[in-house]
C-alpha atoms as a PDB file:
ATOM      1  CA  MET A   1      62.359 170.819 109.845  1.00  0.00           C
ATOM      2  CA  ILE A   2      65.735 170.358 111.532  1.00  0.00           C
ATOM      3  CA  LYS A   3      64.128 168.114 114.134  1.00  0.00           C
ATOM      4  CA  THR A   4      62.589 165.966 111.366  1.00  0.00           C
ATOM      5  CA  LEU A   5      65.947 165.776 109.594  1.00  0.00           C
ATOM      6  CA  GLY A   6      67.641 164.694 112.860  1.00  0.00           C
ATOM      7  CA  ILE A   7      65.033 161.991 113.410  1.00  0.00           C
ATOM      8  CA  ALA A   8      65.444 160.758 109.811  1.00  0.00           C
ATOM      9  CA  LEU A   9      69.223 160.624 110.237  1.00  0.00           C
ATOM     10  CA  MET A  10      68.909 158.697 113.502  1.00  0.00           C
ATOM     11  CA  THR A  11      66.456 156.313 111.859  1.00  0.00           C
ATOM     12  CA  LEU A  12      68.984 155.628 109.106  1.00  0.00           C
ATOM     13  CA  MET A  13      71.998 155.419 111.440  1.00  0.00           C
ATOM     14  CA  ILE A  14      70.633 152.587 113.594  1.00  0.00           C
ATOM     15  CA  PRO A  15      70.182 150.070 110.744  1.00  0.00           C
ATOM     16  CA  LEU A  16      73.466 151.168 109.176  1.00  0.00           C
ATOM     17  CA  SER A  17      75.265 150.642 112.486  1.00  0.00           C
ATOM     18  CA  LEU A  18      73.693 147.207 112.860  1.00  0.00           C
ATOM     19  CA  ALA A  19      74.675 146.315 109.309  1.00  0.00           C
ATOM     20  CA  ALA A  20      78.241 147.449 110.002  1.00  0.00           C
ATOM     21  CA  VAL A  21      78.365 145.245 113.111  1.00  0.00           C
ATOM     22  CA  VAL A  22      77.103 142.240 111.134  1.00  0.00           C
ATOM     23  CA  TRP A  23      79.610 142.899 108.354  1.00  0.00           C
ATOM     24  CA  GLN A  24      82.465 143.269 110.858  1.00  0.00           C
ATOM     25  CA  THR A  25      81.441 140.043 112.620  1.00  0.00           C
ATOM     26  CA  ALA A  26      81.392 138.144 109.344  1.00  0.00           C
ATOM     27  CA  ARG A  27      84.768 139.582 108.416  1.00  0.00           C
ATOM     28  CA  TYR A  28      86.190 138.654 111.833  1.00  0.00           C
ATOM     29  CA  SER A  29      84.918 135.075 111.450  1.00  0.00           C
ATOM     30  CA  GLN A  30      86.559 134.806 108.025  1.00  0.00           C
ATOM     31  CA  VAL A  31      89.875 136.133 109.330  1.00  0.00           C
ATOM     32  CA  GLU A  32      89.683 133.782 112.306  1.00  0.00           C
ATOM     33  CA  SER A  33      89.116 130.740 110.075  1.00  0.00           C
ATOM     34  CA  ASP A  34      91.954 131.866 107.780  1.00  0.00           C
ATOM     35  CA  LEU A  35      94.228 132.142 110.799  1.00  0.00           C
ATOM     36  CA  ALA A  36      93.282 128.649 112.006  1.00  0.00           C
ATOM     37  CA  ARG A  37      93.952 127.237 108.512  1.00  0.00           C
ATOM     38  CA  MET A  38      97.325 128.985 108.329  1.00  0.00           C
ATOM     39  CA  GLU A  39      98.285 127.716 111.787  1.00  0.00           C
ATOM     40  CA  ARG A  40      97.454 124.143 110.736  1.00  0.00           C
ATOM     41  CA  GLU A  41      99.490 124.624 107.577  1.00  0.00           C
ATOM     42  CA  GLN A  42     102.375 126.030 109.611  1.00  0.00           C
ATOM     43  CA  HIS A  43     102.345 122.993 111.916  1.00  0.00           C
ATOM     44  CA  GLU A  44     102.383 120.693 108.875  1.00  0.00           C
ATOM     45  CA  VAL A  45     105.311 122.584 107.348  1.00  0.00           C
ATOM     46  CA  ILE A  46     107.217 122.479 110.645  1.00  0.00           C
ATOM     47  CA  ALA A  47     106.622 118.710 110.904  1.00  0.00           C
ATOM     48  CA  LEU A  48     107.785 118.225 107.308  1.00  0.00           C
ATOM     49  CA  ASN A  49     110.859 120.351 108.004  1.00  0.00           C
ATOM     50  CA  ARG A  50     111.715 118.194 111.038  1.00  0.00           C
ATOM     51  CA  ARG A  51     111.391 115.033 108.932  1.00  0.00           C
ATOM     52  CA  LEU A  52     113.580 116.514 106.195  1.00  0.00           C
ATOM     53  CA  ILE A  53     116.246 117.597 108.681  1.00  0.00           C
ATOM     54  CA  SER A  54     116.202 114.113 110.183  1.00  0.00           C
ATOM     55  CA  GLY A  55     116.588 112.635 106.700  1.00  0.00           C
ATOM     56  CA  ILE A  56     119.512 114.932 105.967  1.00  0.00           C
ATOM     57  CA  SER A  57     121.194 113.837 109.195  1.00  0.00           C
ATOM     58  CA  VAL A  58     120.807 110.185 108.254  1.00  0.00           C
ATOM     59  CA  LEU A  59     121.956 110.695 104.661  1.00  0.00           C
ATOM     60  CA  SER A  60     124.973 112.828 105.549  1.00  0.00           C
ATOM     61  CA  ALA A  61     126.338 110.515 108.262  1.00  0.00           C
ATOM     62  CA  PRO A  62     130.007 109.787 107.515  1.00  0.00           C
ATOM     63  CA  GLU A  63     129.481 106.052 108.102  1.00  0.00           C
ATOM     64  CA  ARG A  64     126.722 105.937 105.497  1.00  0.00           C
ATOM     65  CA  ILE A  65     128.736 107.924 102.969  1.00  0.00           C
ATOM     66  CA  GLU A  66     131.710 105.600 103.409  1.00  0.00           C
ATOM     67  CA  ARG A  67     129.485 102.498 103.054  1.00  0.00           C
ATOM     68  CA  VAL A  68     127.875 103.853  99.861  1.00  0.00           C
ATOM     69  CA  ALA A  69     131.275 104.783  98.445  1.00  0.00           C
ATOM     70  CA  THR A  70     132.828 101.396  99.125  1.00  0.00           C
ATOM     71  CA  GLU A  71     129.910  99.014  98.601  1.00  0.00           C
ATOM     72  CA  ASP A  72     127.780 100.736  95.972  1.00  0.00           C
ATOM     73  CA  LEU A  73     130.374 102.715  94.033  1.00  0.00           C
ATOM     74  CA  GLY A  74     133.367 100.410  94.446  1.00  0.00           C
ATOM     75  CA  MET A  75     135.572 103.173  95.825  1.00  0.00           C
ATOM     76  CA  ARG A  76     138.359 102.767  98.377  1.00  0.00           C
ATOM     77  CA  LYS A  77     140.560 105.003 100.448  1.00  0.00           C
ATOM     78  CA  ALA A  78     143.603 106.222  98.551  1.00  0.00           C
ATOM     79  CA  LEU A  79     146.976 104.814  99.474  1.00  0.00           C
ATOM     80  CA  PRO A  80     149.577 107.367 100.574  1.00  0.00           C
ATOM     81  CA  ALA A  81     151.525 106.822  97.351  1.00  0.00           C
ATOM     82  CA  GLU A  82     148.416 107.702  95.308  1.00  0.00           C
ATOM     83  CA  ILE A  83     147.921 111.083  96.973  1.00  0.00           C
ATOM     84  CA  MET A  84     149.299 114.072  95.069  1.00  0.00           C
ATOM     85  CA  ARG A  85     149.447 117.452  96.755  1.00  0.00           C
ATOM     86  CA  ILE A  86     149.224 120.584  94.638  1.00  0.00           C
ATOM     87  CA  GLU A  87     150.293 123.926  96.023  1.00  0.00           C
ATOM     88  CA  LEU A  88     149.307 127.195  94.367  1.00  0.00           C
ATOM     89  CA  LYS A  89     151.314 130.278  95.129  1.00  0.00           C
ATOM     90  CA  LYS A  90     150.003 133.789  95.017  1.00  0.00           C
ATOM     91  CA  GLY A  91     149.899 134.990  91.451  1.00  0.00           C
ATOM     92  CA  ASP A  92     149.359 131.512  89.999  1.00  0.00           C
ATOM     93  CA  LEU A  93     145.963 130.327  88.803  1.00  0.00           C
ATOM     94  CA  GLY A  94     143.362 130.419  91.554  1.00  0.00           C
ATOM     95  CA  GLY A  95     145.646 132.230  93.966  1.00  0.00           C
END
């Protein structure tokens, strides 16, 4: 009786073990493809980030800002007589 039960258990364990291996292999393949997709996405995001940083560098160049201010917005540098300095002492507003 015990011997028959042991044989029945072994007979069930072999297919269950094989099924577990197949399931684990399928799961591993899915995780591997997810990882590859995420790595591609990461490379795309890094490339986009580099392009955006480059764009920021171009847009924030002092020469460009001065050109836009003078040519597009009609601004000019203030003359010394037009500059007013404001000094706040401790206890005043903002100090």
